[in-house]
Protein backbone atom coordinates (compact mmCIF):
# COMPACT_ATOMS: atom_id res chain seq x y z
CA UNK A 1 8.18 -3.79 -19.72
CA UNK A 2 6.87 -7.35 -19.41
CA UNK A 3 6.78 -8.91 -15.97
CA UNK A 4 10.18 -10.32 -14.99
CA UNK A 5 10.47 -12.97 -12.30
CA UNK A 6 13.66 -14.36 -10.89
CA UNK A 7 12.90 -17.67 -9.16
CA UNK A 8 13.01 -17.76 -5.39
CA UNK A 9 15.19 -20.30 -3.60
CA UNK A 10 12.18 -22.51 -2.70
CA UNK A 11 11.15 -22.46 -6.38
CA UNK A 12 14.66 -23.51 -7.42
CA UNK A 13 14.64 -26.35 -4.91
CA UNK A 14 11.20 -27.49 -6.11
CA UNK A 15 12.44 -27.53 -9.72
CA UNK A 16 15.50 -29.52 -8.69
CA UNK A 17 13.31 -32.05 -6.87
CA UNK A 18 11.26 -32.56 -10.02
CA UNK A 19 14.42 -33.26 -12.05
CA UNK A 20 15.81 -35.64 -9.44
CA UNK A 21 12.51 -37.53 -9.22
CA UNK A 22 12.23 -37.77 -13.01
CA UNK A 23 15.74 -39.18 -13.49
CA UNK A 24 16.75 -40.78 -10.18
CA UNK A 25 19.52 -42.76 -11.89
CA UNK A 26 21.20 -39.61 -13.15
CA UNK A 27 20.18 -36.85 -10.71
CA UNK A 28 20.47 -36.43 -6.99
CA UNK A 29 19.45 -33.53 -4.76
CA UNK A 30 20.99 -33.33 -1.30
CA UNK A 31 21.54 -30.88 1.51
CA UNK A 32 25.18 -29.95 2.05
CA UNK A 33 24.79 -27.60 5.01
CA UNK A 34 22.73 -24.86 6.58
CA UNK A 35 22.98 -21.09 6.63
CA UNK A 36 23.53 -18.98 9.74
CA UNK A 37 19.75 -18.70 10.06
CA UNK A 38 19.24 -22.44 9.57
CA UNK A 39 18.15 -22.40 5.91
CA UNK A 40 19.27 -25.49 3.96
CA UNK A 41 21.93 -25.33 1.24
CA UNK A 42 21.07 -27.66 -1.64
CA UNK A 43 23.30 -29.29 -4.25
CA UNK A 44 21.83 -30.83 -7.41
CA UNK A 45 24.12 -33.35 -9.12
CA UNK A 46 23.73 -34.68 -12.68
CA UNK A 47 25.89 -37.60 -13.80
CA UNK A 48 28.44 -39.76 -12.03
CA UNK A 49 31.79 -39.11 -13.72
CA UNK A 50 34.75 -38.53 -11.41
CA UNK A 51 35.69 -35.40 -13.35
CA UNK A 52 33.41 -32.65 -12.05
CA UNK A 53 32.18 -29.13 -12.76
CA UNK A 54 30.71 -27.14 -9.88
CA UNK A 55 28.35 -24.25 -10.70
CA UNK A 56 27.52 -21.83 -7.87
CA UNK A 57 24.48 -19.54 -7.91
CA UNK A 58 23.37 -16.89 -5.45
CA UNK A 59 26.72 -15.96 -3.92
CA UNK A 60 25.56 -12.34 -3.90
CA UNK A 61 21.98 -11.74 -2.86
CA UNK A 62 21.46 -8.85 -5.28
CA UNK A 63 22.56 -10.85 -8.36
CA UNK A 64 19.56 -13.11 -9.02
CA UNK A 65 20.12 -14.30 -12.62
CA UNK A 66 22.29 -17.24 -11.53
CA UNK A 67 19.33 -19.16 -10.11
CA UNK A 68 17.58 -19.14 -13.48
CA UNK A 69 20.84 -20.12 -15.16
CA UNK A 70 21.45 -23.21 -13.00
CA UNK A 71 17.88 -24.31 -13.62
CA UNK A 72 18.37 -24.03 -17.39
CA UNK A 73 21.81 -25.65 -17.30
CA UNK A 74 20.68 -28.61 -15.22
CA UNK A 75 17.89 -29.34 -17.68
CA UNK A 76 20.23 -28.93 -20.63
CA UNK A 77 22.86 -31.26 -19.16
CA UNK A 78 20.19 -33.84 -18.42
CA UNK A 79 18.77 -33.62 -21.95
CA UNK A 80 22.09 -33.66 -23.85
CA UNK A 81 24.04 -36.85 -23.23
CA UNK A 82 27.28 -35.49 -24.69
CA UNK A 83 27.48 -32.80 -22.01
CA UNK A 84 27.76 -35.43 -19.30
CA UNK A 85 29.76 -37.99 -21.30
CA UNK A 86 32.98 -37.33 -19.39
CA UNK A 87 31.86 -34.87 -16.71
CA UNK A 88 29.50 -34.82 -13.77
CA UNK A 89 27.75 -31.53 -13.09
CA UNK A 90 26.96 -30.15 -9.65
CA UNK A 91 24.80 -27.10 -9.03
CA UNK A 92 24.78 -25.21 -5.72
CA UNK A 93 21.31 -23.70 -6.03
CA UNK A 94 21.97 -20.72 -3.75
CA UNK A 95 25.13 -20.06 -1.75
CA UNK A 96 23.46 -17.42 0.45
CA UNK A 97 19.78 -18.22 1.09
CA UNK A 98 19.67 -15.79 4.02
CA UNK A 99 20.74 -12.95 1.76
CA UNK A 100 18.33 -14.06 -0.96
CA UNK A 101 15.47 -13.82 1.55
CA UNK A 102 16.33 -10.16 2.17
CA UNK A 103 16.83 -8.97 -1.41
CA UNK A 104 13.24 -8.50 -2.50
CA UNK A 105 13.11 -7.34 -6.11
CA UNK A 106 11.82 -10.36 -8.05
CA UNK A 107 10.28 -8.20 -10.81
CA UNK A 108 12.28 -4.97 -11.20
CA UNK A 109 10.97 -2.54 -13.79
CA UNK A 110 13.57 0.17 -13.18
CA UNK A 111 16.74 0.79 -11.23
CA UNK A 112 14.59 2.46 -8.59
CA UNK A 113 12.48 -0.70 -8.19
CA UNK A 114 15.68 -2.71 -7.92
CA UNK A 115 17.10 -0.49 -5.19
CA UNK A 116 13.90 -0.23 -3.15
CA UNK A 117 14.31 -3.92 -2.30
CA UNK A 118 18.11 -3.95 -2.29
CA UNK A 119 20.28 -6.02 0.02
CA UNK A 120 23.94 -7.02 -0.19
CA UNK A 121 25.58 -8.20 3.04
CA UNK A 122 28.87 -7.09 4.53
CA UNK A 123 32.01 -8.75 3.21
CA UNK A 124 32.28 -10.93 6.31
CA UNK A 125 28.78 -12.30 5.63
CA UNK A 126 29.33 -13.09 1.93
CA UNK A 127 30.11 -16.81 1.42
CA UNK A 128 32.77 -16.36 -1.25
CA UNK A 129 34.43 -13.26 0.20
CA UNK A 130 34.49 -14.03 3.92
CA UNK A 131 37.91 -15.78 3.77
CA UNK A 132 39.38 -12.47 2.62
CA UNK A 133 38.24 -10.66 5.78
CA UNK A 134 37.85 -13.31 8.51
CA UNK A 135 40.21 -15.83 10.14
CA UNK A 136 39.51 -19.50 9.32
CA UNK A 137 37.90 -20.24 12.67
CA UNK A 138 35.25 -17.53 12.14
CA UNK A 139 34.08 -18.39 8.63
CA UNK A 140 30.29 -18.57 8.23
CA UNK A 141 28.66 -21.98 7.69
CA UNK A 142 27.81 -21.11 4.07
CA UNK A 143 31.52 -20.69 3.31
CA UNK A 144 32.41 -23.94 5.06
CA UNK A 145 29.70 -25.76 3.09
CA UNK A 146 31.02 -24.37 -0.20
CA UNK A 147 34.64 -25.24 0.48
CA UNK A 148 33.55 -28.65 1.78
CA UNK A 149 31.85 -29.39 -1.55
CA UNK A 150 34.99 -28.32 -3.41
CA UNK A 151 37.05 -30.63 -1.18
CA UNK A 152 34.65 -33.49 -1.91
CA UNK A 153 34.23 -33.01 -5.67
CA UNK A 154 37.70 -31.67 -6.55
CA UNK A 155 36.23 -29.94 -9.63
CA UNK A 156 38.44 -29.21 -12.60
CA UNK A 157 36.24 -26.14 -13.05
CA UNK A 158 34.18 -24.07 -10.64
CA UNK A 159 31.89 -21.49 -12.24
CA UNK A 160 30.28 -18.90 -10.03
CA UNK A 161 27.39 -16.94 -11.52
CA UNK A 162 27.40 -13.24 -10.76
CA UNK A 163 25.80 -10.15 -12.19
CA UNK A 164 25.77 -6.39 -12.22
CA UNK A 165 22.88 -3.99 -11.99
CA UNK A 166 23.96 -1.83 -14.94
CA UNK A 167 26.84 -2.24 -17.38
CA UNK A 168 28.09 -5.13 -19.47
CA UNK A 169 29.20 -8.73 -19.27
CA UNK A 170 32.67 -9.90 -18.35
CA UNK A 171 34.48 -12.98 -17.06
CA UNK A 172 37.06 -13.24 -14.29
CA UNK A 173 39.38 -16.26 -14.34
CA UNK A 174 41.74 -17.54 -11.68
CA UNK A 175 43.79 -19.04 -14.53
CA UNK A 176 43.66 -18.36 -18.25
CA UNK A 177 41.35 -20.43 -20.44
CA UNK A 178 42.52 -20.00 -24.04
CA UNK A 179 39.64 -20.22 -26.47
CA UNK A 180 37.02 -18.70 -24.17
CA UNK A 181 37.17 -15.05 -25.28
CA UNK A 182 35.92 -15.49 -28.84
CA UNK A 183 32.73 -17.49 -28.14
CA UNK A 184 32.05 -15.30 -25.11
CA UNK A 185 32.15 -12.17 -27.26
CA UNK A 186 30.10 -13.84 -30.01
CA UNK A 187 27.38 -14.84 -27.54
CA UNK A 188 27.22 -11.34 -26.08
CA UNK A 189 26.92 -9.79 -29.54
CA UNK A 190 24.15 -12.18 -30.59
CA UNK A 191 22.15 -11.32 -27.47
CA UNK A 192 22.84 -7.57 -27.65
CA UNK A 193 24.78 -7.52 -24.39
CA UNK A 194 27.80 -5.21 -24.31
CA UNK A 195 31.15 -6.62 -23.22
CA UNK A 196 32.58 -4.64 -20.32
CA UNK A 197 36.16 -4.18 -21.49
CA UNK A 198 37.34 -2.02 -18.58
CA UNK A 199 35.59 -3.52 -15.55
CA UNK A 200 36.80 -1.81 -12.38
CA UNK A 201 36.33 -5.13 -10.55
CA UNK A 202 39.27 -6.39 -12.62
CA UNK A 203 41.31 -3.18 -12.58
CA UNK A 204 44.91 -3.80 -13.61
CA UNK A 205 44.39 -7.47 -14.45
CA UNK A 206 45.71 -8.92 -17.71
CA UNK A 207 43.08 -9.77 -20.31
CA UNK A 208 43.10 -12.79 -22.61
CA UNK A 209 40.48 -11.10 -24.78
CA UNK A 210 37.88 -8.32 -24.54
CA UNK A 211 36.04 -8.71 -21.24
CA UNK A 212 37.95 -11.85 -20.19
CA UNK A 213 40.25 -11.00 -17.27
CA UNK A 214 42.82 -13.23 -15.58
CA UNK A 215 43.47 -12.63 -11.89
CA UNK A 216 47.09 -11.68 -11.19
CA UNK A 217 49.32 -13.64 -8.85
CA UNK A 218 50.19 -12.57 -5.29
CA UNK A 219 53.31 -10.78 -6.49
CA UNK A 220 51.15 -8.05 -8.02
CA UNK A 221 49.61 -5.46 -5.73
CA UNK A 222 45.88 -4.79 -5.67
CA UNK A 223 44.64 -1.87 -7.76
CA UNK A 224 42.52 -0.66 -4.81
CA UNK A 225 44.59 -1.48 -1.70
CA UNK A 226 41.91 -0.25 0.71
CA UNK A 227 39.27 -2.71 -0.47
CA UNK A 228 39.06 -5.75 1.83
CA UNK A 229 37.70 -8.24 -0.70
CA UNK A 230 40.90 -9.36 -2.43
CA UNK A 231 39.82 -12.05 -4.89
CA UNK A 232 43.03 -13.98 -4.28
CA UNK A 233 41.82 -14.80 -0.76
CA UNK A 234 38.29 -15.77 -1.79
CA UNK A 235 36.82 -19.25 -2.23
CA UNK A 236 37.52 -18.89 -5.94
CA UNK A 237 41.04 -20.17 -5.35
CA UNK A 238 40.00 -23.18 -3.28
CA UNK A 239 39.70 -25.35 -6.41
CA UNK A 240 43.37 -24.72 -7.22
CA UNK A 241 44.53 -27.11 -4.54
CA UNK A 242 43.05 -29.89 -6.68
CA UNK A 243 44.35 -28.62 -10.01
CA UNK A 244 41.13 -26.80 -10.90
CA UNK A 245 40.31 -23.18 -11.64
CA UNK A 246 37.37 -20.81 -11.26
CA UNK A 247 35.49 -18.72 -13.81
CA UNK A 248 33.26 -15.89 -12.59
CA UNK A 249 30.61 -15.02 -15.19
CA UNK A 250 29.06 -11.58 -14.85
CA UNK A 251 25.93 -10.51 -16.73
CA UNK A 252 24.00 -7.20 -16.49
CA UNK A 253 20.34 -6.66 -15.69
CA UNK A 254 20.45 -3.34 -17.52
CA UNK A 255 22.97 -2.86 -20.32
CA UNK A 256 24.99 0.22 -21.16
CA UNK A 257 26.83 0.60 -24.43
CA UNK A 258 29.19 3.05 -22.70
CA UNK A 259 31.16 0.29 -20.95
CA UNK A 260 32.74 -1.33 -24.01
CA UNK A 261 34.50 1.71 -25.48
CA UNK A 262 38.24 0.91 -25.74
CA UNK A 263 39.18 4.43 -26.90
CA UNK A 264 41.69 6.31 -24.71
CA UNK A 265 40.14 8.75 -22.25
CA UNK A 266 41.49 12.28 -22.82
CA UNK A 267 42.17 12.93 -19.10
CA UNK A 268 41.62 9.78 -17.02
CA UNK A 269 43.40 10.89 -13.83
CA UNK A 270 41.46 14.15 -13.64
CA UNK A 271 38.18 12.39 -14.39
CA UNK A 272 38.74 9.81 -11.65
CA UNK A 273 39.65 12.54 -9.15
CA UNK A 274 36.30 14.18 -9.91
CA UNK A 275 34.54 10.85 -9.42
CA UNK A 276 36.31 10.40 -6.08
CA UNK A 277 35.03 13.79 -4.97
CA UNK A 278 31.48 12.92 -5.95
CA UNK A 279 31.76 9.59 -4.15
CA UNK A 280 32.75 11.36 -0.91
CA UNK A 281 29.95 13.93 -1.25
CA UNK A 282 27.29 11.31 -1.95
CA UNK A 283 28.42 9.16 0.97
CA UNK A 284 28.34 12.19 3.25
CA UNK A 285 24.69 12.79 2.27
CA UNK A 286 23.80 9.28 3.44
CA UNK A 287 25.95 9.50 6.57
CA UNK A 288 24.18 12.70 7.55
CA UNK A 289 20.77 10.99 7.40
CA UNK A 290 22.14 7.99 9.29
CA UNK A 291 23.62 10.15 12.07
CA UNK A 292 20.33 12.00 12.51
CA UNK A 293 18.16 8.88 12.55
CA UNK A 294 20.40 6.48 14.46
CA UNK A 295 19.45 7.66 17.99
CA UNK A 296 15.80 7.00 17.14
CA UNK A 297 16.33 3.45 15.89
CA UNK A 298 15.54 0.80 18.47
CA UNK A 299 16.69 -2.77 18.60
CA UNK A 300 19.81 -4.61 17.43
CA UNK A 301 22.02 -3.71 14.52
CA UNK A 302 20.26 -5.82 11.85
CA UNK A 303 21.68 -7.04 8.55
CA UNK A 304 20.38 -4.12 6.47
CA UNK A 305 21.84 -1.50 8.79
CA UNK A 306 25.12 -3.42 9.12
CA UNK A 307 25.43 -3.64 5.37
CA UNK A 308 24.64 0.05 4.84
CA UNK A 309 27.24 1.11 7.37
CA UNK A 310 29.81 -1.28 5.90
CA UNK A 311 29.32 0.16 2.41
CA UNK A 312 29.82 3.68 3.76
CA UNK A 313 32.97 2.61 5.61
CA UNK A 314 34.55 1.56 2.29
CA UNK A 315 34.18 5.00 0.75
CA UNK A 316 37.07 7.03 2.27
CA UNK A 317 39.68 4.39 1.46
CA UNK A 318 38.39 3.88 -2.06
CA UNK A 319 38.39 7.63 -2.72
CA UNK A 320 42.02 7.74 -1.54
CA UNK A 321 42.91 4.86 -3.83
CA UNK A 322 41.44 6.69 -6.79
CA UNK A 323 43.05 10.01 -5.88
CA UNK A 324 46.55 8.98 -4.81
CA UNK A 325 47.44 6.27 -7.33
CA UNK A 326 47.66 6.37 -11.14
CA UNK A 327 44.58 4.97 -12.90
CA UNK A 328 44.74 1.19 -13.36
CA UNK A 329 43.60 1.74 -16.95
CA UNK A 330 43.01 4.78 -19.12
CA UNK A 331 40.21 3.84 -21.52
CA UNK A 332 36.78 5.38 -21.76
CA UNK A 333 35.35 2.01 -20.69
CA UNK A 334 37.43 1.90 -17.51
CA UNK A 335 36.59 5.45 -16.45
CA UNK A 336 32.94 4.64 -17.14
CA UNK A 337 33.19 1.54 -14.93
CA UNK A 338 34.73 3.60 -12.11
CA UNK A 339 31.91 6.11 -12.55
CA UNK A 340 29.34 3.31 -12.13
CA UNK A 341 31.19 1.86 -9.12
CA UNK A 342 31.25 5.27 -7.47
CA UNK A 343 27.50 5.66 -7.94
CA UNK A 344 26.71 2.19 -6.61
CA UNK A 345 28.29 2.35 -3.15
CA UNK A 346 26.40 5.35 -1.71
CA UNK A 347 23.20 4.44 -3.59
CA UNK A 348 23.22 0.93 -2.15
CA UNK A 349 23.93 2.25 1.34
CA UNK A 350 21.09 4.75 0.98
CA UNK A 351 18.70 2.08 -0.32
CA UNK A 352 19.38 -0.31 2.56
CA UNK A 353 19.16 2.47 5.13
CA UNK A 354 15.86 3.55 3.58
CA UNK A 355 14.42 0.09 4.17
CA UNK A 356 15.44 0.34 7.82
CA UNK A 357 13.87 3.80 8.18
CA UNK A 358 10.65 2.77 6.47
CA UNK A 359 10.32 -0.22 8.77
CA UNK A 360 10.76 2.12 11.76
CA UNK A 361 8.41 4.71 10.25
CA UNK A 362 11.19 7.22 10.84
CA UNK A 363 10.71 10.84 9.83
CA UNK A 364 14.00 10.84 7.87
CA UNK A 365 12.65 8.28 5.39
CA UNK A 366 11.05 10.78 2.93
CA UNK A 367 14.32 12.66 2.49
CA UNK A 368 16.17 9.43 1.79
CA UNK A 369 13.42 8.30 -0.61
CA UNK A 370 14.05 11.41 -2.68
CA UNK A 371 17.79 10.73 -2.69
CA UNK A 372 17.44 7.08 -3.78
CA UNK A 373 14.97 8.05 -6.52
CA UNK A 374 17.16 10.87 -7.84
CA UNK A 375 20.35 8.80 -7.81
CA UNK A 376 18.67 5.81 -9.47
CA UNK A 377 17.29 8.03 -12.22
CA UNK A 378 20.64 9.76 -12.73
CA UNK A 379 22.45 6.41 -12.88
CA UNK A 380 20.08 5.09 -15.55
CA UNK A 381 20.18 8.32 -17.55
CA UNK A 382 23.97 8.71 -17.44
CA UNK A 383 24.53 5.18 -18.75
CA UNK A 384 21.51 5.04 -21.11
CA UNK A 385 20.27 1.93 -19.35
CA UNK A 386 18.31 -0.63 -21.36
CA UNK A 387 16.80 -3.77 -19.89
CA UNK A 388 18.41 -7.08 -20.84
CA UNK A 389 15.63 -9.69 -21.12
CA UNK A 390 16.00 -12.34 -18.45
CA UNK A 391 16.15 -15.08 -21.06
CA UNK A 392 19.15 -13.31 -22.64
CA UNK A 393 20.92 -12.95 -19.29
CA UNK A 394 20.44 -16.67 -18.66
CA UNK A 395 21.32 -17.84 -22.16
CA UNK A 396 24.56 -15.85 -22.19
CA UNK A 397 25.62 -17.18 -18.80
CA UNK A 398 24.73 -20.73 -19.83
CA UNK A 399 26.68 -20.56 -23.08
CA UNK A 400 29.71 -19.15 -21.28
CA UNK A 401 29.59 -21.92 -18.65
CA UNK A 402 29.45 -24.63 -21.32
CA UNK A 403 32.35 -23.16 -23.30
CA UNK A 404 34.42 -22.74 -20.14
CA UNK A 405 33.74 -26.36 -19.18
CA UNK A 406 34.79 -27.59 -22.62
CA UNK A 407 38.01 -25.56 -22.58
CA UNK A 408 38.83 -26.52 -18.98
CA UNK A 409 38.14 -30.20 -19.68
CA UNK A 410 40.84 -30.10 -22.31
CA UNK A 411 43.35 -29.14 -19.64
CA UNK A 412 42.76 -32.36 -17.70
CA UNK A 413 42.14 -34.78 -20.58
């Protein structure tokens, strides 16, 4: 596989500075806040129209494609006058620079490479999700910076760029955008990216087209009641107070053609019960290593260890959700998405714990190395993983952002 490089945050900032210096009348780069560790948060703005689109990259440390996408989009908006004719564009280069500094897989060649440098913080430390788990007076500075920009710009559309390790592409909307589903599906087909028609992240949500899911209102219960990160309490809804909406564009690093099968599953409830059992067993394997090694680990509870423990704490409740409630959907695609979700949680916990143990030169590290390697290989084999070229990931996200902006602009015209 050719070398793949996702740009670092300093590289993104340097690119933005070049654009701003080249077109000072159209572009401006400014700092809008700092992270918990004191890293700057940068916003690149193109155009001056009062009607605004805000594009957010790097909300999740382990989803790096968004940085490349904002770089491409900013250049495209600058080069094509019609894109900024009635809209100003604003790009938050990285919402979580602290997290980005800890996720260290700039050139993954396999799922194992990806997981050996894996980091995804606890829900309370994620800029977009922290309002779902923390009171307002305890929100991290990254969240306050993001909501402050929304308050300032009052965007008619916020687009937040996300990704998945393995699967397909899908969109989550806080309000329906008619006309988005068809060009989204066409773009995915042209770039050989499957559309994830049964994404477990959007379990039970209505769909306005294949892979385009609309978040339900507060009157509808969550499909997984135990999960703390209810999207309806995230920063995604902050734009609604100004008449805007949010689109979340997901794109895979590795594709699987198993996630877009709309055929009915022959026994979805039984299959999901089996997946819940495997989830519990896998988590127990990691917990056993953690319990053995924990007394030997010195120093404070760092971000990697906190995140590993947090992921493991989610497992019992999620397994209960899967076991004690009817499936939110019954297609092959949905059961496949639940299968992938169930593999991710313990694998991510194991990968982050492995980094802690390696740093401590702990004797439990070799056992965990074997586990991470075996689970990564099984994940890739089960879903027939194939790499999505970075340029395809970025082009698909960019096209989807531009279509969403056009459709959303029609709502406020």
